[in-house]
Amino acid sequence: MPTLRPDSPDTDHVERVSMLFKSLSSPVRLTLLIHLMEGGHTVHELVDHLSVSQPLVSQHLRVLRSAGLVRAESVGRERVYTITDEHVSHIVRDALQHVTEVHDGPAH
């Protein structure tokens, strides 16, 4: 196994990045993030967008919250979920762009 260069991230950072990608490994979670890139949504709104059950959406939102990718704010009796910062949006956009370029070829 290759050793990390001195200017490379330490193993703790590599492990945390691995956990980040693991949290992005579900199509449902990625779809949730894509909807949240448009702005904040309640669980009920996300259920309507994805046409999946409320418990499933809540479960995936818990994973995303644990990974630090989304946050929830109480607004009245509901919780509004938003992406934590623009880094999350960039990661998702870059991944979508990468897949598009690999599948369709580079844009000219």
N, C-alpha and C. Protein backbone atom coordinates (compact mmCIF):
# COMPACT_ATOMS: atom_id res chain seq x y z
N MET A 1 0.85 -1.18 0.00
CA MET A 1 0.00 0.00 0.00
C MET A 1 0.89 1.24 0.00
N PRO A 2 0.64 2.20 -0.89
CA PRO A 2 1.50 3.39 -0.96
C PRO A 2 1.37 4.25 0.29
N THR A 3 2.47 4.89 0.62
CA THR A 3 2.47 5.80 1.76
C THR A 3 2.00 7.17 1.29
N LEU A 4 1.31 7.87 2.19
CA LEU A 4 0.86 9.22 1.86
C LEU A 4 2.06 10.16 1.83
N ARG A 5 2.10 11.02 0.85
CA ARG A 5 3.16 12.02 0.78
C ARG A 5 2.99 12.98 1.94
N PRO A 6 4.09 13.64 2.35
CA PRO A 6 3.99 14.59 3.47
C PRO A 6 2.94 15.69 3.25
N ASP A 7 2.73 16.08 1.98
CA ASP A 7 1.75 17.14 1.71
C ASP A 7 0.35 16.57 1.51
N SER A 8 0.20 15.27 1.63
CA SER A 8 -1.11 14.64 1.49
C SER A 8 -1.89 14.74 2.79
N PRO A 9 -3.21 14.65 2.70
CA PRO A 9 -4.02 14.66 3.93
C PRO A 9 -3.66 13.47 4.82
N ASP A 10 -3.78 13.67 6.12
CA ASP A 10 -3.48 12.56 7.03
C ASP A 10 -4.59 11.51 6.94
N THR A 11 -4.34 10.36 7.55
CA THR A 11 -5.28 9.25 7.43
C THR A 11 -6.64 9.58 8.03
N ASP A 12 -6.68 10.44 9.05
CA ASP A 12 -7.97 10.84 9.62
C ASP A 12 -8.80 11.58 8.59
N HIS A 13 -8.18 12.49 7.85
CA HIS A 13 -8.90 13.22 6.81
C HIS A 13 -9.36 12.29 5.70
N VAL A 14 -8.51 11.37 5.32
CA VAL A 14 -8.88 10.41 4.28
C VAL A 14 -10.08 9.58 4.73
N GLU A 15 -10.07 9.16 5.98
CA GLU A 15 -11.19 8.38 6.52
C GLU A 15 -12.48 9.21 6.51
N ARG A 16 -12.37 10.48 6.88
CA ARG A 16 -13.56 11.34 6.90
C ARG A 16 -14.10 11.58 5.49
N VAL A 17 -13.20 11.73 4.52
CA VAL A 17 -13.65 11.88 3.13
C VAL A 17 -14.33 10.60 2.66
N SER A 18 -13.79 9.46 3.05
CA SER A 18 -14.41 8.18 2.71
C SER A 18 -15.82 8.09 3.27
N MET A 19 -16.01 8.53 4.51
CA MET A 19 -17.34 8.52 5.12
C MET A 19 -18.28 9.50 4.39
N LEU A 20 -17.75 10.62 3.94
CA LEU A 20 -18.55 11.57 3.17
C LEU A 20 -19.07 10.90 1.90
N PHE A 21 -18.17 10.25 1.17
CA PHE A 21 -18.60 9.58 -0.06
C PHE A 21 -19.56 8.44 0.23
N LYS A 22 -19.37 7.76 1.33
CA LYS A 22 -20.31 6.69 1.70
C LYS A 22 -21.71 7.27 1.91
N SER A 23 -21.78 8.44 2.53
CA SER A 23 -23.10 9.05 2.77
C SER A 23 -23.75 9.51 1.46
N LEU A 24 -22.95 9.70 0.42
CA LEU A 24 -23.47 10.10 -0.89
C LEU A 24 -23.78 8.90 -1.79
N SER A 25 -23.58 7.70 -1.28
CA SER A 25 -23.68 6.51 -2.13
C SER A 25 -25.11 6.06 -2.44
N SER A 26 -26.09 6.69 -1.86
CA SER A 26 -27.48 6.30 -2.10
C SER A 26 -28.14 7.24 -3.12
N PRO A 27 -28.79 6.68 -4.16
CA PRO A 27 -29.51 7.53 -5.10
C PRO A 27 -30.57 8.40 -4.42
N VAL A 28 -31.22 7.89 -3.38
CA VAL A 28 -32.23 8.69 -2.68
C VAL A 28 -31.56 9.88 -2.00
N ARG A 29 -30.43 9.67 -1.34
CA ARG A 29 -29.75 10.78 -0.67
C ARG A 29 -29.25 11.81 -1.68
N LEU A 30 -28.73 11.35 -2.80
CA LEU A 30 -28.30 12.30 -3.83
C LEU A 30 -29.47 13.10 -4.37
N THR A 31 -30.60 12.44 -4.58
CA THR A 31 -31.79 13.15 -5.06
C THR A 31 -32.26 14.16 -4.03
N LEU A 32 -32.21 13.80 -2.76
CA LEU A 32 -32.57 14.76 -1.70
C LEU A 32 -31.66 15.98 -1.78
N LEU A 33 -30.36 15.76 -1.91
CA LEU A 33 -29.43 16.88 -1.99
C LEU A 33 -29.70 17.75 -3.21
N ILE A 34 -30.01 17.13 -4.33
CA ILE A 34 -30.32 17.91 -5.54
C ILE A 34 -31.52 18.81 -5.30
N HIS A 35 -32.55 18.30 -4.65
CA HIS A 35 -33.72 19.13 -4.34
C HIS A 35 -33.35 20.23 -3.34
N LEU A 36 -32.52 19.91 -2.37
CA LEU A 36 -32.13 20.90 -1.36
C LEU A 36 -31.20 21.96 -1.94
N MET A 37 -30.56 21.68 -3.06
CA MET A 37 -29.73 22.70 -3.71
C MET A 37 -30.59 23.85 -4.22
N GLU A 38 -31.88 23.60 -4.41
CA GLU A 38 -32.82 24.64 -4.86
C GLU A 38 -33.28 25.52 -3.71
N GLY A 39 -33.05 25.07 -2.47
CA GLY A 39 -33.49 25.81 -1.30
C GLY A 39 -34.04 24.86 -0.25
N GLY A 40 -34.46 25.42 0.86
CA GLY A 40 -34.95 24.62 1.97
C GLY A 40 -36.27 23.93 1.66
N HIS A 41 -36.43 22.73 2.23
CA HIS A 41 -37.65 21.95 2.06
C HIS A 41 -37.99 21.25 3.36
N THR A 42 -39.28 21.06 3.59
CA THR A 42 -39.73 20.24 4.72
C THR A 42 -39.71 18.77 4.28
N VAL A 43 -39.82 17.88 5.25
CA VAL A 43 -39.87 16.45 4.94
C VAL A 43 -41.05 16.16 4.02
N HIS A 44 -42.20 16.78 4.29
CA HIS A 44 -43.39 16.53 3.47
C HIS A 44 -43.17 16.96 2.02
N GLU A 45 -42.52 18.09 1.83
CA GLU A 45 -42.22 18.54 0.46
C GLU A 45 -41.28 17.55 -0.23
N LEU A 46 -40.29 17.08 0.50
CA LEU A 46 -39.34 16.12 -0.08
C LEU A 46 -40.02 14.80 -0.42
N VAL A 47 -40.94 14.36 0.44
CA VAL A 47 -41.71 13.14 0.17
C VAL A 47 -42.48 13.31 -1.14
N ASP A 48 -43.11 14.47 -1.32
CA ASP A 48 -43.87 14.73 -2.55
C ASP A 48 -42.96 14.73 -3.77
N HIS A 49 -41.77 15.36 -3.65
CA HIS A 49 -40.84 15.43 -4.78
C HIS A 49 -40.33 14.04 -5.19
N LEU A 50 -40.03 13.22 -4.19
CA LEU A 50 -39.39 11.93 -4.46
C LEU A 50 -40.39 10.79 -4.62
N SER A 51 -41.62 10.99 -4.18
CA SER A 51 -42.64 9.93 -4.21
C SER A 51 -42.16 8.66 -3.50
N VAL A 52 -41.55 8.87 -2.33
CA VAL A 52 -41.17 7.75 -1.46
C VAL A 52 -41.77 8.01 -0.09
N SER A 53 -41.70 7.03 0.78
CA SER A 53 -42.35 7.15 2.08
C SER A 53 -41.65 8.16 2.99
N GLN A 54 -42.43 8.73 3.89
CA GLN A 54 -41.89 9.69 4.85
C GLN A 54 -40.82 9.06 5.74
N PRO A 55 -41.02 7.83 6.25
CA PRO A 55 -39.95 7.24 7.07
C PRO A 55 -38.64 7.07 6.30
N LEU A 56 -38.73 6.73 5.01
CA LEU A 56 -37.52 6.57 4.21
C LEU A 56 -36.80 7.90 4.03
N VAL A 57 -37.55 8.95 3.73
CA VAL A 57 -36.95 10.28 3.59
C VAL A 57 -36.30 10.70 4.90
N SER A 58 -37.00 10.52 6.01
CA SER A 58 -36.45 10.89 7.32
C SER A 58 -35.17 10.12 7.63
N GLN A 59 -35.17 8.84 7.31
CA GLN A 59 -33.98 8.01 7.55
C GLN A 59 -32.78 8.54 6.76
N HIS A 60 -32.99 8.86 5.50
CA HIS A 60 -31.90 9.36 4.67
C HIS A 60 -31.46 10.76 5.11
N LEU A 61 -32.39 11.58 5.54
CA LEU A 61 -32.02 12.90 6.05
C LEU A 61 -31.15 12.77 7.31
N ARG A 62 -31.44 11.78 8.15
CA ARG A 62 -30.61 11.54 9.34
C ARG A 62 -29.17 11.22 8.95
N VAL A 63 -29.01 10.40 7.92
CA VAL A 63 -27.67 10.05 7.45
C VAL A 63 -26.96 11.31 6.94
N LEU A 64 -27.67 12.12 6.17
CA LEU A 64 -27.08 13.35 5.63
C LEU A 64 -26.73 14.34 6.73
N ARG A 65 -27.58 14.42 7.75
CA ARG A 65 -27.27 15.29 8.89
C ARG A 65 -26.05 14.80 9.64
N SER A 66 -25.98 13.50 9.88
CA SER A 66 -24.83 12.93 10.59
C SER A 66 -23.53 13.19 9.84
N ALA A 67 -23.60 13.22 8.52
CA ALA A 67 -22.42 13.48 7.70
C ALA A 67 -22.11 14.97 7.60
N GLY A 68 -22.97 15.82 8.15
CA GLY A 68 -22.75 17.26 8.09
C GLY A 68 -23.09 17.87 6.75
N LEU A 69 -23.90 17.18 5.95
CA LEU A 69 -24.25 17.67 4.62
C LEU A 69 -25.51 18.52 4.61
N VAL A 70 -26.42 18.27 5.54
CA VAL A 70 -27.64 19.07 5.66
C VAL A 70 -27.85 19.45 7.12
N ARG A 71 -28.65 20.47 7.30
CA ARG A 71 -29.04 20.87 8.66
C ARG A 71 -30.55 21.09 8.65
N ALA A 72 -31.12 21.07 9.84
CA ALA A 72 -32.56 21.26 9.99
C ALA A 72 -32.81 22.43 10.92
N GLU A 73 -33.78 23.23 10.56
CA GLU A 73 -34.18 24.37 11.39
C GLU A 73 -35.68 24.25 11.64
N SER A 74 -36.07 24.41 12.89
CA SER A 74 -37.49 24.36 13.22
C SER A 74 -38.15 25.65 12.79
N VAL A 75 -39.23 25.50 12.03
CA VAL A 75 -40.04 26.63 11.59
C VAL A 75 -41.47 26.25 11.92
N GLY A 76 -41.98 26.84 12.99
CA GLY A 76 -43.31 26.44 13.45
C GLY A 76 -43.26 25.00 13.90
N ARG A 77 -44.17 24.20 13.37
CA ARG A 77 -44.24 22.79 13.76
C ARG A 77 -43.44 21.89 12.82
N GLU A 78 -42.79 22.47 11.84
CA GLU A 78 -42.05 21.66 10.87
C GLU A 78 -40.56 21.96 10.95
N ARG A 79 -39.79 21.07 10.36
CA ARG A 79 -38.35 21.28 10.25
C ARG A 79 -38.04 21.49 8.77
N VAL A 80 -37.29 22.55 8.51
CA VAL A 80 -36.88 22.85 7.15
C VAL A 80 -35.42 22.42 7.00
N TYR A 81 -35.17 21.60 6.00
CA TYR A 81 -33.83 21.08 5.75
C TYR A 81 -33.16 21.90 4.66
N THR A 82 -31.89 22.21 4.89
CA THR A 82 -31.09 22.94 3.92
C THR A 82 -29.71 22.30 3.84
N ILE A 83 -29.01 22.57 2.75
CA ILE A 83 -27.63 22.12 2.60
C ILE A 83 -26.76 22.98 3.51
N THR A 84 -25.76 22.38 4.14
CA THR A 84 -24.96 23.11 5.12
C THR A 84 -24.13 24.22 4.51
N ASP A 85 -23.56 24.01 3.34
CA ASP A 85 -22.78 25.07 2.70
C ASP A 85 -22.60 24.77 1.22
N GLU A 86 -21.99 25.70 0.52
CA GLU A 86 -21.84 25.57 -0.93
C GLU A 86 -20.91 24.43 -1.33
N HIS A 87 -20.02 23.99 -0.42
CA HIS A 87 -19.15 22.86 -0.76
C HIS A 87 -19.99 21.64 -1.14
N VAL A 88 -21.07 21.43 -0.42
CA VAL A 88 -21.94 20.27 -0.68
C VAL A 88 -22.52 20.38 -2.09
N SER A 89 -23.01 21.56 -2.43
CA SER A 89 -23.57 21.77 -3.78
C SER A 89 -22.51 21.53 -4.85
N HIS A 90 -21.30 22.01 -4.60
CA HIS A 90 -20.22 21.82 -5.58
C HIS A 90 -19.87 20.35 -5.76
N ILE A 91 -19.83 19.60 -4.67
CA ILE A 91 -19.52 18.17 -4.76
C ILE A 91 -20.56 17.47 -5.63
N VAL A 92 -21.84 17.76 -5.38
CA VAL A 92 -22.91 17.11 -6.14
C VAL A 92 -22.87 17.55 -7.60
N ARG A 93 -22.73 18.86 -7.83
CA ARG A 93 -22.68 19.36 -9.22
C ARG A 93 -21.49 18.76 -9.98
N ASP A 94 -20.33 18.74 -9.33
CA ASP A 94 -19.13 18.19 -9.98
C ASP A 94 -19.31 16.72 -10.31
N ALA A 95 -19.92 15.96 -9.41
CA ALA A 95 -20.15 14.54 -9.66
C ALA A 95 -21.11 14.35 -10.83
N LEU A 96 -22.18 15.14 -10.87
CA LEU A 96 -23.13 15.05 -11.98
C LEU A 96 -22.46 15.42 -13.30
N GLN A 97 -21.64 16.46 -13.27
CA GLN A 97 -20.93 16.88 -14.48
C GLN A 97 -19.95 15.80 -14.94
N HIS A 98 -19.25 15.20 -13.99
CA HIS A 98 -18.30 14.14 -14.32
C HIS A 98 -19.01 12.97 -15.01
N VAL A 99 -20.12 12.54 -14.44
CA VAL A 99 -20.86 11.42 -15.02
C VAL A 99 -21.37 11.78 -16.41
N THR A 100 -21.84 12.99 -16.58
CA THR A 100 -22.32 13.44 -17.89
C THR A 100 -21.19 13.41 -18.91
N GLU A 101 -20.02 13.92 -18.52
CA GLU A 101 -18.89 13.95 -19.45
C GLU A 101 -18.38 12.55 -19.77
N VAL A 102 -18.34 11.68 -18.79
CA VAL A 102 -17.88 10.31 -19.03
C VAL A 102 -18.86 9.58 -19.94
N HIS A 103 -20.15 9.79 -19.71
CA HIS A 103 -21.18 9.10 -20.50
C HIS A 103 -21.32 9.70 -21.89
N ASP A 104 -21.42 11.04 -21.96
CA ASP A 104 -21.69 11.72 -23.23
C ASP A 104 -20.45 12.24 -23.92
N GLY A 105 -19.32 12.23 -23.24
CA GLY A 105 -18.10 12.82 -23.78
C GLY A 105 -18.02 14.27 -23.36
N PRO A 106 -16.83 14.85 -23.39
CA PRO A 106 -16.65 16.25 -22.96
C PRO A 106 -17.47 17.21 -23.81
N ALA A 107 -17.95 18.25 -23.15
CA ALA A 107 -18.69 19.29 -23.87
C ALA A 107 -17.71 20.11 -24.71
N HIS A 108 -18.13 20.48 -25.90
CA HIS A 108 -17.26 21.28 -26.77
C HIS A 108 -17.87 22.63 -27.00
